Amino acid sequence: MLTITHSKLFVLDQDQALDFYVGKLGFVVTMDVDLGGGRWLTVAAPDDPDHHVYLERPGPPAMDEATAALVRDLLTRGGLSFGIALETDDCRKLYETWRERGVEFTQEPLEHSYGIDCGVRDPFGNQIRILQPAHRRSRVSATSS
């Protein structure tokens, strides 16, 4: 068996990232450990606790300070971004919930042949795509009535 357990997003401020991912998106903290020279901070979608997203502030000990400064500069300028994709049973409902919490969307929910999707950008420029696969569309519609 081979599974993905962790993904990484660069963030400039881990407390601000925590507020966004936990406070606005509803993720849960899976680890928050002071490493003495850094912080291991991971979150997960509430329905997928085994896939952790590491919210890394570029810097030592993972990279030297000069490299970290370049990475932070690129992130600030929008020249460096990563992304994650999330799957949901009801893209439009999630859109409304997150919008009410102050999440800014880069794309409202749109219907495509593969399903309904929308986009979010976190405070650091990382892209988040939300997908409701087409094979779930009829089931959600039937239960939403």
N, C-alpha and C. Protein backbone atom coordinates (compact mmCIF):
# COMPACT_ATOMS: atom_id res chain seq x y z
N MET A 1 0.85 -1.18 0.00
CA MET A 1 0.00 0.00 0.00
C MET A 1 0.89 1.24 0.00
N LEU A 2 0.48 2.25 -0.75
CA LEU A 2 1.20 3.51 -0.82
C LEU A 2 0.16 4.63 -0.74
N THR A 3 0.31 5.53 0.22
CA THR A 3 -0.64 6.62 0.38
C THR A 3 0.10 7.94 0.56
N ILE A 4 -0.56 9.02 0.29
CA ILE A 4 -0.03 10.36 0.57
C ILE A 4 -0.51 10.74 1.96
N THR A 5 0.43 11.10 2.82
CA THR A 5 0.06 11.49 4.18
C THR A 5 0.19 12.99 4.42
N HIS A 6 1.11 13.64 3.71
CA HIS A 6 1.35 15.06 3.94
C HIS A 6 1.53 15.80 2.61
N SER A 7 1.03 17.02 2.57
CA SER A 7 1.29 17.97 1.51
C SER A 7 1.83 19.21 2.19
N LYS A 8 2.48 20.08 1.45
CA LYS A 8 3.06 21.28 2.05
C LYS A 8 2.62 22.52 1.31
N LEU A 9 2.30 23.56 2.07
CA LEU A 9 2.05 24.88 1.53
C LEU A 9 2.97 25.85 2.25
N PHE A 10 3.61 26.75 1.51
CA PHE A 10 4.40 27.80 2.14
C PHE A 10 3.45 28.91 2.59
N VAL A 11 3.66 29.40 3.79
CA VAL A 11 2.89 30.52 4.34
C VAL A 11 3.87 31.49 4.98
N LEU A 12 3.50 32.76 5.02
CA LEU A 12 4.38 33.76 5.62
C LEU A 12 4.19 33.89 7.12
N ASP A 13 3.01 33.53 7.59
CA ASP A 13 2.69 33.67 9.01
C ASP A 13 1.83 32.47 9.41
N GLN A 14 2.36 31.62 10.26
CA GLN A 14 1.63 30.39 10.62
C GLN A 14 0.38 30.67 11.44
N ASP A 15 0.39 31.71 12.27
CA ASP A 15 -0.82 32.04 13.03
C ASP A 15 -1.93 32.54 12.11
N GLN A 16 -1.57 33.34 11.12
CA GLN A 16 -2.54 33.81 10.13
C GLN A 16 -3.06 32.64 9.31
N ALA A 17 -2.18 31.71 8.97
CA ALA A 17 -2.58 30.51 8.22
C ALA A 17 -3.54 29.68 9.05
N LEU A 18 -3.27 29.55 10.33
CA LEU A 18 -4.14 28.80 11.23
C LEU A 18 -5.53 29.44 11.28
N ASP A 19 -5.57 30.75 11.37
CA ASP A 19 -6.85 31.45 11.39
C ASP A 19 -7.63 31.19 10.10
N PHE A 20 -6.94 31.19 8.96
CA PHE A 20 -7.61 30.97 7.68
C PHE A 20 -8.07 29.52 7.53
N TYR A 21 -7.15 28.58 7.69
CA TYR A 21 -7.49 27.18 7.42
C TYR A 21 -8.43 26.58 8.48
N VAL A 22 -8.24 26.95 9.72
CA VAL A 22 -9.10 26.41 10.79
C VAL A 22 -10.32 27.32 11.00
N GLY A 23 -10.08 28.62 11.18
CA GLY A 23 -11.16 29.55 11.48
C GLY A 23 -12.15 29.75 10.35
N LYS A 24 -11.65 29.83 9.11
CA LYS A 24 -12.54 30.11 7.98
C LYS A 24 -12.93 28.86 7.20
N LEU A 25 -11.97 27.98 6.95
CA LEU A 25 -12.28 26.80 6.13
C LEU A 25 -12.78 25.62 6.95
N GLY A 26 -12.57 25.65 8.27
CA GLY A 26 -13.08 24.57 9.11
C GLY A 26 -12.16 23.36 9.20
N PHE A 27 -10.91 23.51 8.78
CA PHE A 27 -9.95 22.41 8.94
C PHE A 27 -9.69 22.21 10.42
N VAL A 28 -9.05 21.10 10.77
CA VAL A 28 -8.68 20.82 12.15
C VAL A 28 -7.16 20.76 12.25
N VAL A 29 -6.65 21.19 13.39
CA VAL A 29 -5.21 21.11 13.64
C VAL A 29 -4.87 19.67 13.96
N THR A 30 -3.88 19.13 13.25
CA THR A 30 -3.46 17.75 13.52
C THR A 30 -2.15 17.71 14.27
N MET A 31 -1.31 18.72 14.11
CA MET A 31 -0.08 18.85 14.91
C MET A 31 0.29 20.32 14.99
N ASP A 32 0.76 20.72 16.15
CA ASP A 32 1.29 22.06 16.35
C ASP A 32 2.40 21.93 17.37
N VAL A 33 3.63 21.82 16.87
CA VAL A 33 4.77 21.50 17.72
C VAL A 33 5.85 22.56 17.54
N ASP A 34 6.32 23.12 18.64
CA ASP A 34 7.46 24.03 18.62
C ASP A 34 8.72 23.19 18.53
N LEU A 35 9.47 23.37 17.46
CA LEU A 35 10.68 22.59 17.24
C LEU A 35 11.93 23.29 17.76
N GLY A 36 11.76 24.41 18.42
CA GLY A 36 12.89 25.13 18.96
C GLY A 36 13.53 26.09 17.97
N GLY A 37 13.40 25.87 16.71
CA GLY A 37 13.89 26.77 15.68
C GLY A 37 12.87 26.90 14.58
N GLY A 38 11.76 26.30 14.78
CA GLY A 38 10.69 26.31 13.80
C GLY A 38 9.44 25.72 14.42
N ARG A 39 8.43 25.60 13.63
CA ARG A 39 7.14 25.11 14.12
C ARG A 39 6.58 24.12 13.10
N TRP A 40 6.24 22.94 13.57
CA TRP A 40 5.59 21.94 12.72
C TRP A 40 4.10 22.10 12.92
N LEU A 41 3.42 22.70 11.94
CA LEU A 41 2.00 22.99 12.03
C LEU A 41 1.30 22.30 10.87
N THR A 42 0.43 21.35 11.19
CA THR A 42 -0.33 20.67 10.15
C THR A 42 -1.82 20.76 10.44
N VAL A 43 -2.59 20.81 9.38
CA VAL A 43 -4.05 20.82 9.46
C VAL A 43 -4.58 19.76 8.51
N ALA A 44 -5.84 19.42 8.68
CA ALA A 44 -6.48 18.45 7.79
C ALA A 44 -7.94 18.83 7.61
N ALA A 45 -8.47 18.44 6.46
CA ALA A 45 -9.91 18.59 6.24
C ALA A 45 -10.60 17.69 7.26
N PRO A 46 -11.71 18.13 7.85
CA PRO A 46 -12.34 17.35 8.91
C PRO A 46 -12.74 15.93 8.52
N ASP A 47 -13.03 15.71 7.25
CA ASP A 47 -13.43 14.37 6.81
C ASP A 47 -12.27 13.56 6.23
N ASP A 48 -11.05 14.10 6.32
CA ASP A 48 -9.88 13.42 5.78
C ASP A 48 -8.69 13.62 6.73
N PRO A 49 -8.81 13.13 7.98
CA PRO A 49 -7.79 13.41 8.99
C PRO A 49 -6.43 12.76 8.74
N ASP A 50 -6.34 11.85 7.78
CA ASP A 50 -5.07 11.17 7.52
C ASP A 50 -4.23 11.87 6.46
N HIS A 51 -4.76 12.91 5.83
CA HIS A 51 -3.98 13.70 4.87
C HIS A 51 -3.72 15.07 5.49
N HIS A 52 -2.52 15.25 5.95
CA HIS A 52 -2.12 16.47 6.65
C HIS A 52 -1.55 17.48 5.66
N VAL A 53 -1.87 18.75 5.87
CA VAL A 53 -1.28 19.83 5.09
C VAL A 53 -0.35 20.58 6.03
N TYR A 54 0.95 20.52 5.70
CA TYR A 54 1.98 21.20 6.49
C TYR A 54 2.02 22.66 6.06
N LEU A 55 1.76 23.56 6.99
CA LEU A 55 1.79 25.00 6.74
C LEU A 55 3.17 25.52 7.16
N GLU A 56 4.08 25.54 6.21
CA GLU A 56 5.48 25.82 6.50
C GLU A 56 5.84 27.28 6.24
N ARG A 57 6.44 27.89 7.24
CA ARG A 57 7.03 29.22 7.05
C ARG A 57 8.45 28.98 6.58
N PRO A 58 8.79 29.46 5.37
CA PRO A 58 10.13 29.21 4.86
C PRO A 58 11.20 29.79 5.78
N GLY A 59 12.15 28.96 6.16
CA GLY A 59 13.24 29.39 7.01
C GLY A 59 13.96 28.20 7.60
N PRO A 60 14.99 28.51 8.38
CA PRO A 60 15.72 27.42 9.05
C PRO A 60 14.78 26.66 9.97
N PRO A 61 14.97 25.40 10.21
CA PRO A 61 16.11 24.60 9.77
C PRO A 61 15.92 23.95 8.40
N ALA A 62 14.76 24.11 7.76
CA ALA A 62 14.51 23.46 6.48
C ALA A 62 15.37 24.04 5.35
N MET A 63 15.69 25.34 5.45
CA MET A 63 16.52 25.99 4.43
C MET A 63 17.27 27.13 5.08
N ASP A 64 18.39 27.51 4.48
CA ASP A 64 19.17 28.61 5.05
C ASP A 64 18.39 29.91 4.91
N GLU A 65 18.75 30.91 5.69
CA GLU A 65 17.99 32.15 5.76
C GLU A 65 17.99 32.90 4.43
N ALA A 66 19.09 32.86 3.68
CA ALA A 66 19.15 33.55 2.38
C ALA A 66 18.14 32.94 1.41
N THR A 67 18.07 31.64 1.35
CA THR A 67 17.11 30.96 0.48
C THR A 67 15.69 31.23 0.96
N ALA A 68 15.49 31.17 2.27
CA ALA A 68 14.16 31.43 2.83
C ALA A 68 13.69 32.84 2.49
N ALA A 69 14.59 33.82 2.52
CA ALA A 69 14.23 35.20 2.18
C ALA A 69 13.78 35.29 0.72
N LEU A 70 14.46 34.56 -0.17
CA LEU A 70 14.06 34.53 -1.58
C LEU A 70 12.69 33.89 -1.75
N VAL A 71 12.46 32.79 -1.06
CA VAL A 71 11.17 32.10 -1.14
C VAL A 71 10.06 33.01 -0.61
N ARG A 72 10.29 33.66 0.53
CA ARG A 72 9.28 34.57 1.09
C ARG A 72 9.00 35.73 0.15
N ASP A 73 10.04 36.26 -0.50
CA ASP A 73 9.88 37.36 -1.45
C ASP A 73 9.04 36.91 -2.65
N LEU A 74 9.36 35.74 -3.20
CA LEU A 74 8.59 35.22 -4.33
C LEU A 74 7.14 34.98 -3.94
N LEU A 75 6.92 34.46 -2.75
CA LEU A 75 5.56 34.21 -2.26
C LEU A 75 4.79 35.53 -2.15
N THR A 76 5.43 36.55 -1.59
CA THR A 76 4.81 37.87 -1.42
C THR A 76 4.46 38.50 -2.77
N ARG A 77 5.30 38.30 -3.76
CA ARG A 77 5.08 38.89 -5.09
C ARG A 77 4.11 38.09 -5.95
N GLY A 78 3.69 36.93 -5.47
CA GLY A 78 2.80 36.09 -6.24
C GLY A 78 3.52 35.23 -7.26
N GLY A 79 4.84 35.17 -7.16
CA GLY A 79 5.63 34.39 -8.10
C GLY A 79 5.85 32.95 -7.69
N LEU A 80 5.30 32.59 -6.55
CA LEU A 80 5.45 31.23 -6.06
C LEU A 80 4.17 30.86 -5.34
N SER A 81 3.51 29.85 -5.84
CA SER A 81 2.32 29.38 -5.13
C SER A 81 2.18 27.89 -5.34
N PHE A 82 1.57 27.27 -4.39
CA PHE A 82 1.29 25.85 -4.44
C PHE A 82 -0.22 25.71 -4.39
N GLY A 83 -0.70 24.52 -4.34
CA GLY A 83 -2.14 24.37 -4.27
C GLY A 83 -2.56 23.03 -3.74
N ILE A 84 -3.81 22.99 -3.35
CA ILE A 84 -4.43 21.73 -2.94
C ILE A 84 -5.80 21.67 -3.61
N ALA A 85 -6.28 20.46 -3.79
CA ALA A 85 -7.61 20.25 -4.35
C ALA A 85 -8.44 19.50 -3.32
N LEU A 86 -9.65 19.96 -3.15
CA LEU A 86 -10.57 19.36 -2.19
C LEU A 86 -11.79 18.84 -2.93
N GLU A 87 -12.38 17.78 -2.43
CA GLU A 87 -13.60 17.24 -3.01
C GLU A 87 -14.72 17.38 -1.99
N THR A 88 -15.89 17.76 -2.47
CA THR A 88 -17.04 17.94 -1.61
C THR A 88 -18.29 17.32 -2.24
N ASP A 89 -19.29 17.07 -1.43
CA ASP A 89 -20.58 16.57 -1.92
C ASP A 89 -21.46 17.71 -2.44
N ASP A 90 -21.19 18.95 -2.00
CA ASP A 90 -22.05 20.08 -2.37
C ASP A 90 -21.21 21.35 -2.48
N CYS A 91 -20.71 21.60 -3.67
CA CYS A 91 -19.83 22.74 -3.92
C CYS A 91 -20.52 24.08 -3.64
N ARG A 92 -21.75 24.20 -4.06
CA ARG A 92 -22.46 25.47 -3.88
C ARG A 92 -22.72 25.77 -2.40
N LYS A 93 -23.07 24.75 -1.64
CA LYS A 93 -23.31 24.94 -0.21
C LYS A 93 -22.00 25.33 0.49
N LEU A 94 -20.91 24.66 0.16
CA LEU A 94 -19.61 24.99 0.75
C LEU A 94 -19.21 26.42 0.37
N TYR A 95 -19.45 26.79 -0.87
CA TYR A 95 -19.17 28.15 -1.34
C TYR A 95 -19.91 29.18 -0.47
N GLU A 96 -21.19 28.96 -0.25
CA GLU A 96 -21.99 29.90 0.56
C GLU A 96 -21.49 29.95 2.00
N THR A 97 -21.17 28.80 2.58
CA THR A 97 -20.67 28.75 3.96
C THR A 97 -19.37 29.51 4.09
N TRP A 98 -18.45 29.24 3.20
CA TRP A 98 -17.14 29.91 3.28
C TRP A 98 -17.25 31.39 2.96
N ARG A 99 -18.10 31.75 2.01
CA ARG A 99 -18.28 33.16 1.68
C ARG A 99 -18.81 33.93 2.90
N GLU A 100 -19.73 33.32 3.64
CA GLU A 100 -20.25 33.96 4.85
C GLU A 100 -19.17 34.14 5.90
N ARG A 101 -18.15 33.29 5.87
CA ARG A 101 -17.04 33.39 6.82
C ARG A 101 -15.95 34.36 6.35
N GLY A 102 -16.16 34.98 5.20
CA GLY A 102 -15.22 35.97 4.70
C GLY A 102 -14.14 35.44 3.77
N VAL A 103 -14.31 34.22 3.28
CA VAL A 103 -13.34 33.66 2.34
C VAL A 103 -13.53 34.33 0.98
N GLU A 104 -12.43 34.75 0.37
CA GLU A 104 -12.48 35.37 -0.95
C GLU A 104 -12.25 34.30 -2.01
N PHE A 105 -13.13 34.26 -2.98
CA PHE A 105 -13.06 33.26 -4.05
C PHE A 105 -12.43 33.86 -5.30
N THR A 106 -11.68 33.05 -6.00
CA THR A 106 -11.13 33.44 -7.29
C THR A 106 -12.06 33.02 -8.41
N GLN A 107 -12.97 32.09 -8.11
CA GLN A 107 -13.97 31.64 -9.09
C GLN A 107 -15.18 31.12 -8.34
N GLU A 108 -16.34 31.60 -8.72
CA GLU A 108 -17.59 31.08 -8.16
C GLU A 108 -17.85 29.69 -8.72
N PRO A 109 -18.74 28.91 -8.09
CA PRO A 109 -19.03 27.57 -8.60
C PRO A 109 -19.52 27.61 -10.05
N LEU A 110 -18.88 26.79 -10.88
CA LEU A 110 -19.26 26.65 -12.28
C LEU A 110 -19.48 25.19 -12.60
N GLU A 111 -20.47 24.94 -13.44
CA GLU A 111 -20.77 23.57 -13.83
C GLU A 111 -19.97 23.22 -15.08
N HIS A 112 -19.34 22.05 -15.05
CA HIS A 112 -18.55 21.53 -16.17
C HIS A 112 -18.98 20.09 -16.42
N SER A 113 -18.46 19.50 -17.46
CA SER A 113 -18.79 18.10 -17.75
C SER A 113 -18.32 17.17 -16.64
N TYR A 114 -17.25 17.52 -15.97
CA TYR A 114 -16.69 16.67 -14.90
C TYR A 114 -17.30 16.95 -13.54
N GLY A 115 -18.07 18.03 -13.42
CA GLY A 115 -18.67 18.36 -12.14
C GLY A 115 -18.76 19.86 -11.93
N ILE A 116 -18.91 20.26 -10.69
CA ILE A 116 -19.00 21.67 -10.31
C ILE A 116 -17.73 21.99 -9.53
N ASP A 117 -17.09 23.12 -9.87
CA ASP A 117 -15.91 23.50 -9.11
C ASP A 117 -15.85 25.00 -8.91
N CYS A 118 -15.03 25.39 -7.94
CA CYS A 118 -14.78 26.80 -7.66
C CYS A 118 -13.36 26.93 -7.13
N GLY A 119 -12.90 28.17 -6.96
CA GLY A 119 -11.53 28.39 -6.53
C GLY A 119 -11.40 29.42 -5.44
N VAL A 120 -10.39 29.21 -4.60
CA VAL A 120 -10.07 30.09 -3.48
C VAL A 120 -8.56 30.32 -3.51
N ARG A 121 -8.14 31.47 -3.04
CA ARG A 121 -6.73 31.73 -2.83
C ARG A 121 -6.54 32.04 -1.35
N ASP A 122 -5.57 31.39 -0.72
CA ASP A 122 -5.34 31.67 0.70
C ASP A 122 -4.61 33.01 0.83
N PRO A 123 -4.41 33.53 2.04
CA PRO A 123 -3.78 34.84 2.20
C PRO A 123 -2.36 34.93 1.67
N PHE A 124 -1.76 33.81 1.29
CA PHE A 124 -0.37 33.78 0.84
C PHE A 124 -0.24 33.46 -0.64
N GLY A 125 -1.37 33.37 -1.33
CA GLY A 125 -1.35 33.13 -2.76
C GLY A 125 -1.51 31.68 -3.18
N ASN A 126 -1.59 30.76 -2.23
CA ASN A 126 -1.77 29.35 -2.57
C ASN A 126 -3.18 29.13 -3.11
N GLN A 127 -3.28 28.32 -4.15
CA GLN A 127 -4.55 28.04 -4.80
C GLN A 127 -5.25 26.84 -4.17
N ILE A 128 -6.55 26.97 -3.98
CA ILE A 128 -7.37 25.87 -3.47
C ILE A 128 -8.51 25.67 -4.45
N ARG A 129 -8.62 24.47 -4.99
CA ARG A 129 -9.72 24.14 -5.89
C ARG A 129 -10.68 23.22 -5.15
N ILE A 130 -11.96 23.48 -5.31
CA ILE A 130 -13.00 22.66 -4.68
C ILE A 130 -13.82 22.03 -5.79
N LEU A 131 -13.95 20.72 -5.75
CA LEU A 131 -14.65 19.99 -6.80
C LEU A 131 -15.77 19.13 -6.22
N GLN A 132 -16.92 19.22 -6.86
CA GLN A 132 -18.02 18.29 -6.64
C GLN A 132 -18.10 17.46 -7.92
N PRO A 133 -17.60 16.22 -7.91
CA PRO A 133 -17.59 15.42 -9.13
C PRO A 133 -19.00 15.21 -9.69
N ALA A 134 -19.08 15.11 -11.01
CA ALA A 134 -20.36 14.95 -11.70
C ALA A 134 -21.12 13.72 -11.22
N HIS A 135 -20.41 12.65 -10.89
CA HIS A 135 -21.10 11.44 -10.46
C HIS A 135 -21.83 11.63 -9.14
N ARG A 136 -21.55 12.72 -8.44
CA ARG A 136 -22.25 13.00 -7.18
C ARG A 136 -23.37 14.01 -7.36
N ARG A 137 -23.41 14.67 -8.48
CA ARG A 137 -24.36 15.77 -8.69
C ARG A 137 -25.80 15.32 -8.48
N SER A 138 -26.22 14.20 -9.06
CA SER A 138 -27.61 13.77 -8.94
C SER A 138 -27.95 13.34 -7.52
N ARG A 139 -27.01 12.70 -6.84
CA ARG A 139 -27.27 12.28 -5.46
C ARG A 139 -27.46 13.49 -4.55
N VAL A 140 -26.63 14.53 -4.73
CA VAL A 140 -26.75 15.72 -3.91
C VAL A 140 -28.06 16.43 -4.22
N SER A 141 -28.40 16.54 -5.50
CA SER A 141 -29.65 17.20 -5.88
C SER A 141 -30.85 16.48 -5.29
N ALA A 142 -30.82 15.16 -5.28
CA ALA A 142 -31.94 14.38 -4.75
C ALA A 142 -32.11 14.57 -3.25
N THR A 143 -30.99 14.74 -2.53
CA THR A 143 -31.07 14.89 -1.08
C THR A 143 -31.26 16.34 -0.66
N SER A 144 -31.02 17.28 -1.57
CA SER A 144 -31.12 18.70 -1.22
C SER A 144 -32.55 19.20 -1.29
N SER A 145 -33.47 18.48 -1.91
CA SER A 145 -34.84 18.96 -2.10
C SER A 145 -35.62 19.01 -0.83
